[in-house]
Protein backbone atom coordinates (compact mmCIF):
# COMPACT_ATOMS: atom_id res chain seq x y z
CA MET A 1 69.75 129.85 149.98
CA THR A 2 67.66 129.24 153.10
CA ALA A 3 67.05 125.56 153.83
CA VAL A 4 63.69 124.24 155.04
CA PRO A 5 63.88 121.22 157.36
CA ALA A 6 62.51 118.16 155.58
CA GLY A 7 59.83 117.53 158.18
CA SER A 8 58.29 120.98 157.83
CA ALA A 9 58.21 121.24 154.01
CA LEU A 10 54.88 120.93 152.26
CA VAL A 11 56.49 120.77 148.84
CA ARG A 12 60.13 120.58 147.82
CA PHE A 13 61.77 121.10 144.41
CA GLU A 14 64.97 119.04 144.15
CA ASP A 15 67.18 119.98 141.16
CA VAL A 16 64.05 120.31 139.04
CA GLY A 17 64.22 120.90 135.30
CA LEU A 18 61.03 122.01 133.52
CA GLY A 19 60.15 122.56 129.91
CA TYR A 20 57.77 121.85 127.05
CA GLY A 21 58.31 119.61 124.05
CA GLY A 22 61.93 119.00 124.94
CA LEU A 23 62.69 122.74 125.18
CA PRO A 24 63.97 123.68 128.65
CA VAL A 25 62.44 126.60 130.55
CA ILE A 26 64.03 126.06 133.96
CA GLU A 27 67.01 123.89 134.91
CA LYS A 28 68.16 122.66 138.32
CA LEU A 29 65.72 124.61 140.49
CA SER A 30 65.81 123.77 144.21
CA PHE A 31 63.62 125.37 146.87
CA ALA A 32 60.99 124.35 149.41
CA VAL A 33 57.74 125.79 150.75
CA ALA A 34 57.09 125.17 154.43
CA LYS A 35 53.76 125.03 156.19
CA GLY A 36 52.62 128.59 156.92
CA ASP A 37 54.98 130.16 154.37
CA PHE A 38 54.12 133.28 152.37
CA VAL A 39 56.30 132.98 149.27
CA GLY A 40 56.51 135.32 146.30
CA ILE A 41 57.78 134.02 142.95
CA VAL A 42 58.93 136.99 140.87
CA GLY A 43 60.44 137.34 137.44
CA PRO A 44 59.79 138.82 134.00
CA ASN A 45 57.29 137.37 131.53
CA GLY A 46 58.63 134.12 130.13
CA ALA A 47 60.91 133.38 133.09
CA GLY A 48 58.95 130.25 134.00
CA LYS A 49 56.85 131.41 136.96
CA SER A 50 53.60 129.79 135.82
CA THR A 51 55.57 126.70 134.80
CA ILE A 52 56.77 126.38 138.40
CA LEU A 53 53.17 126.56 139.60
CA LYS A 54 52.11 123.82 137.17
CA ALA A 55 54.84 121.57 138.52
CA MET A 56 53.88 122.41 142.10
CA LEU A 57 50.24 121.52 141.41
CA GLY A 58 51.19 118.28 139.69
CA ILE A 59 49.99 119.44 136.25
CA LEU A 60 53.47 119.39 134.67
CA ARG A 61 55.91 116.55 135.20
CA PRO A 62 59.57 117.57 135.66
CA ALA A 63 61.97 116.74 132.86
CA ARG A 64 64.58 116.09 135.54
CA GLY A 65 64.77 116.11 139.32
CA ALA A 66 61.69 115.73 141.51
CA VAL A 67 58.89 117.68 143.14
CA VAL A 68 58.48 116.02 146.53
CA TYR A 69 55.51 116.29 148.88
CA GLU A 70 56.44 115.39 152.43
CA ALA A 71 54.58 112.22 153.38
CA GLU A 72 53.52 113.35 156.86
CA VAL A 73 51.71 116.46 155.57
CA HIS A 74 50.70 115.47 152.05
CA ARG A 75 47.50 113.80 153.24
CA GLU A 76 46.31 117.14 154.62
CA LEU A 77 47.53 119.27 151.70
CA ARG A 78 44.66 120.95 149.81
CA PHE A 79 45.63 123.34 147.05
CA GLY A 80 43.42 126.27 146.13
CA TYR A 81 44.46 127.57 142.72
CA VAL A 82 43.68 131.13 141.58
CA PRO A 83 44.41 131.41 137.83
CA GLN A 84 45.02 134.59 135.91
CA ARG A 85 41.59 136.17 135.81
CA HIS A 86 41.64 137.07 132.10
CA THR A 87 41.35 133.35 131.31
CA LEU A 88 37.81 133.40 132.75
CA ASP A 89 36.50 136.88 131.94
CA HIS A 90 34.79 136.09 128.65
CA ILE A 91 33.62 132.51 129.11
CA TYR A 92 31.59 132.58 132.33
CA PRO A 93 28.30 134.55 132.05
CA LEU A 94 27.48 133.46 135.62
CA SER A 95 26.89 135.08 138.98
CA VAL A 96 29.66 135.42 141.56
CA ARG A 97 27.89 132.84 143.74
CA ALA A 98 27.87 130.37 140.83
CA ILE A 99 31.55 131.02 140.07
CA VAL A 100 32.51 130.37 143.70
CA GLY A 101 30.21 127.35 143.80
CA MET A 102 31.97 125.77 140.83
CA ALA A 103 34.73 124.71 143.19
CA ARG A 104 32.25 122.66 145.20
CA TYR A 105 30.54 121.21 142.13
CA ALA A 106 33.87 119.83 140.95
CA ARG A 107 34.35 118.13 144.33
CA ALA A 108 30.83 116.69 144.23
CA GLY A 109 31.45 114.89 140.94
CA LEU A 110 28.85 113.61 138.52
CA VAL A 111 26.99 111.34 140.93
CA ARG A 112 26.29 113.74 143.79
CA ARG A 113 24.41 116.99 143.75
CA PRO A 114 25.83 119.81 145.90
CA GLY A 115 24.12 119.92 149.28
CA PRO A 116 23.85 122.13 152.37
CA ALA A 117 27.53 121.64 153.25
CA ASP A 118 28.52 122.96 149.82
CA ASP A 119 26.20 125.95 150.15
CA LEU A 120 27.69 126.71 153.56
CA ALA A 121 31.26 126.51 152.19
CA VAL A 122 30.35 128.97 149.43
CA ALA A 123 28.71 131.35 151.92
CA ARG A 124 31.75 131.23 154.20
CA ALA A 125 34.12 131.88 151.30
CA LEU A 126 32.10 134.90 150.16
CA GLU A 127 32.14 136.24 153.71
CA ALA A 128 35.87 135.62 154.20
CA ILE A 129 36.65 137.68 151.08
CA ASP A 130 34.00 140.28 151.99
CA ILE A 131 32.02 140.00 148.73
CA VAL A 132 28.64 138.85 150.05
CA ASP A 133 27.14 141.97 148.47
CA LEU A 134 28.42 140.84 145.06
CA ALA A 135 27.03 137.29 145.26
CA GLU A 136 24.24 137.78 142.70
CA ARG A 137 26.19 140.08 140.38
CA ARG A 138 27.34 138.70 137.04
CA PHE A 139 31.05 137.92 137.03
CA ALA A 140 31.52 139.66 133.67
CA GLU A 141 30.14 142.93 135.10
CA LEU A 142 32.70 143.22 137.88
CA SER A 143 35.86 145.31 138.03
CA GLY A 144 39.24 143.59 137.81
CA GLY A 145 39.73 143.70 141.57
CA GLN A 146 36.24 142.33 142.25
CA ARG A 147 36.78 139.48 139.79
CA GLN A 148 40.01 138.58 141.48
CA ARG A 149 38.29 138.49 144.86
CA ALA A 150 35.66 136.15 143.43
CA LEU A 151 38.37 133.79 142.14
CA ILE A 152 40.10 133.80 145.53
CA ALA A 153 36.77 132.98 147.17
CA ARG A 154 36.34 130.12 144.70
CA ALA A 155 39.71 128.71 145.77
CA LEU A 156 38.80 129.01 149.45
CA ALA A 157 35.48 127.23 148.92
CA THR A 158 37.38 124.00 148.23
CA GLY A 159 38.61 123.99 151.82
CA ALA A 160 42.12 124.90 150.68
CA ASN A 161 44.95 125.34 153.17
CA PHE A 162 47.56 126.12 150.47
CA LEU A 163 46.69 129.06 148.23
CA VAL A 164 48.45 129.37 144.86
CA LEU A 165 47.91 132.62 142.92
CA ASP A 166 49.10 133.26 139.36
CA GLU A 167 49.59 136.99 138.60
CA PRO A 168 46.55 138.08 140.65
CA THR A 169 47.32 141.81 140.31
CA ASP A 170 48.29 141.85 136.61
CA GLY A 171 46.78 144.85 134.85
CA MET A 172 45.30 146.39 138.01
CA ASP A 173 45.56 149.98 139.13
CA LEU A 174 47.42 150.95 142.30
CA LYS A 175 44.35 150.86 144.56
CA SER A 176 43.15 147.45 143.36
CA THR A 177 46.67 146.02 143.55
CA HIS A 178 47.07 147.20 147.15
CA GLY A 179 43.64 145.77 148.00
CA ILE A 180 44.39 142.30 146.62
CA LEU A 181 47.86 142.14 148.19
CA GLY A 182 46.43 143.22 151.53
CA LEU A 183 43.64 140.64 151.25
CA VAL A 184 46.05 137.80 150.56
CA ARG A 185 48.27 138.88 153.45
CA ARG A 186 45.23 138.93 155.75
CA LEU A 187 44.20 135.42 154.66
CA HIS A 188 47.73 134.19 155.34
CA ARG A 189 47.78 135.80 158.77
CA ASP A 190 44.22 135.22 159.99
CA GLU A 191 43.31 131.94 158.27
CA GLY A 192 46.73 130.33 158.61
CA LEU A 193 47.01 129.66 154.88
CA THR A 194 50.25 128.76 153.18
CA VAL A 195 50.55 131.08 150.17
CA VAL A 196 52.57 131.07 146.95
CA PHE A 197 52.05 134.27 144.97
CA VAL A 198 53.38 134.77 141.42
CA SER A 199 54.03 138.21 139.94
CA HIS A 200 56.35 139.95 137.48
CA GLN A 201 56.29 143.10 139.64
CA LEU A 202 59.07 142.83 142.22
CA ASN A 203 58.22 146.06 144.04
CA GLU A 204 54.58 145.01 144.41
CA VAL A 205 55.32 141.69 146.05
CA ALA A 206 58.49 142.22 148.06
CA ASN A 207 56.82 144.25 150.83
CA TYR A 208 54.06 141.71 151.46
CA VAL A 209 55.62 138.24 151.38
CA ASP A 210 58.04 136.59 153.83
CA ARG A 211 60.26 134.81 151.33
CA LEU A 212 61.12 135.41 147.69
CA LEU A 213 62.09 133.27 144.73
CA VAL A 214 63.44 135.68 142.11
CA ILE A 215 64.12 134.08 138.73
CA ASP A 216 65.27 135.25 135.30
CA GLU A 217 66.83 133.31 132.40
CA GLY A 218 67.69 130.37 134.62
CA ARG A 219 69.35 132.45 137.35
CA TYR A 220 67.54 132.51 140.68
CA HIS A 221 67.84 133.14 144.38
CA PHE A 222 65.48 131.99 147.13
CA GLY A 223 65.30 133.06 150.74
CA PRO A 224 63.92 135.62 153.21
CA VAL A 225 63.02 138.94 151.62
CA ASP A 226 65.78 140.91 153.36
CA GLU A 227 68.35 138.38 152.12
CA VAL A 228 67.15 138.24 148.50
CA LEU A 229 66.31 141.92 148.11
CA THR A 230 69.87 143.19 147.92
CA ALA A 231 71.51 145.02 145.05
CA ASP A 232 74.18 142.31 144.67
CA HIS A 233 71.70 139.44 144.40
CA LEU A 234 69.37 141.29 142.06
CA ARG A 235 72.24 142.40 139.81
CA ARG A 236 73.37 138.79 139.52
CA ILE A 237 69.87 137.58 138.63
CA TYR A 238 68.76 140.36 136.29
CA GLN A 239 72.19 141.22 134.85
CA VAL A 240 71.51 144.98 135.08
CA PRO A 241 72.56 147.67 137.57
CA VAL A 242 70.13 147.72 140.50
CA VAL A 243 69.65 149.99 143.51
CA VAL A 244 67.54 149.01 146.52
CA GLU A 245 66.16 151.97 148.49
CA THR A 246 63.89 152.31 151.51
CA VAL A 247 61.00 154.74 151.04
CA ALA A 248 58.44 155.31 153.82
CA GLY A 249 59.47 152.01 155.38
CA ALA A 250 59.08 149.99 152.16
CA SER A 251 61.82 148.54 149.96
CA VAL A 252 61.92 149.88 146.40
CA VAL A 253 64.03 148.39 143.60
CA VAL A 254 65.27 150.88 141.03
CA VAL A 255 67.21 150.41 137.80
CA PRO A 256 69.23 153.62 137.33
CA ARG A 257 69.20 155.38 133.96
């Protein structure tokens, strides 16, 4: 496992156990996300990926261990959370601009109306994600990829420097998946965002992120992609035969028949 020096970590999991109602989901998980990291968390449905995000965001308290935010950077840490888009599809009959603006309204609170600074933040977020042309469209009318872009813009409108995405490509076709992954990589590179990206599709994520946390049934490995993406490590985690091939410069994980 690759260590992150304490001074450079934005968030650190130290022997963390997570669960619900006394039932464990994850036990003794240790890893850290450094400033400027691009981390993929990968595993099958039910492995605890979203549970890790809840703990990272402070929504879920660990049953054991600790989630530690380094004191010298915590004051500047601003999470931008992008939930699974299907949780919003049917309940927001609003325009894209209104959806993105919701992030600013939450910051304004009940006693202050959004002002010019909020409008500017929304406009900049729409431009950064290249969806200015969709601003007045109804969210419910958009394609899956367009909806996901709107939700990423909403996260950016908060002024986030740490982007957390939960299954952003789930259910998308190949073109939309490539578009979203490329967009997130561009934001990481050009905007200097720290990114944690959750997916159950190992092949989708492995060729975009810098470091991987692969988890299944309590077994996990965390480190640089080229260290984690080996047949030996993946066999140990998934408990099935695995072959890792290189195709057109990209790594592809295959389970032989």
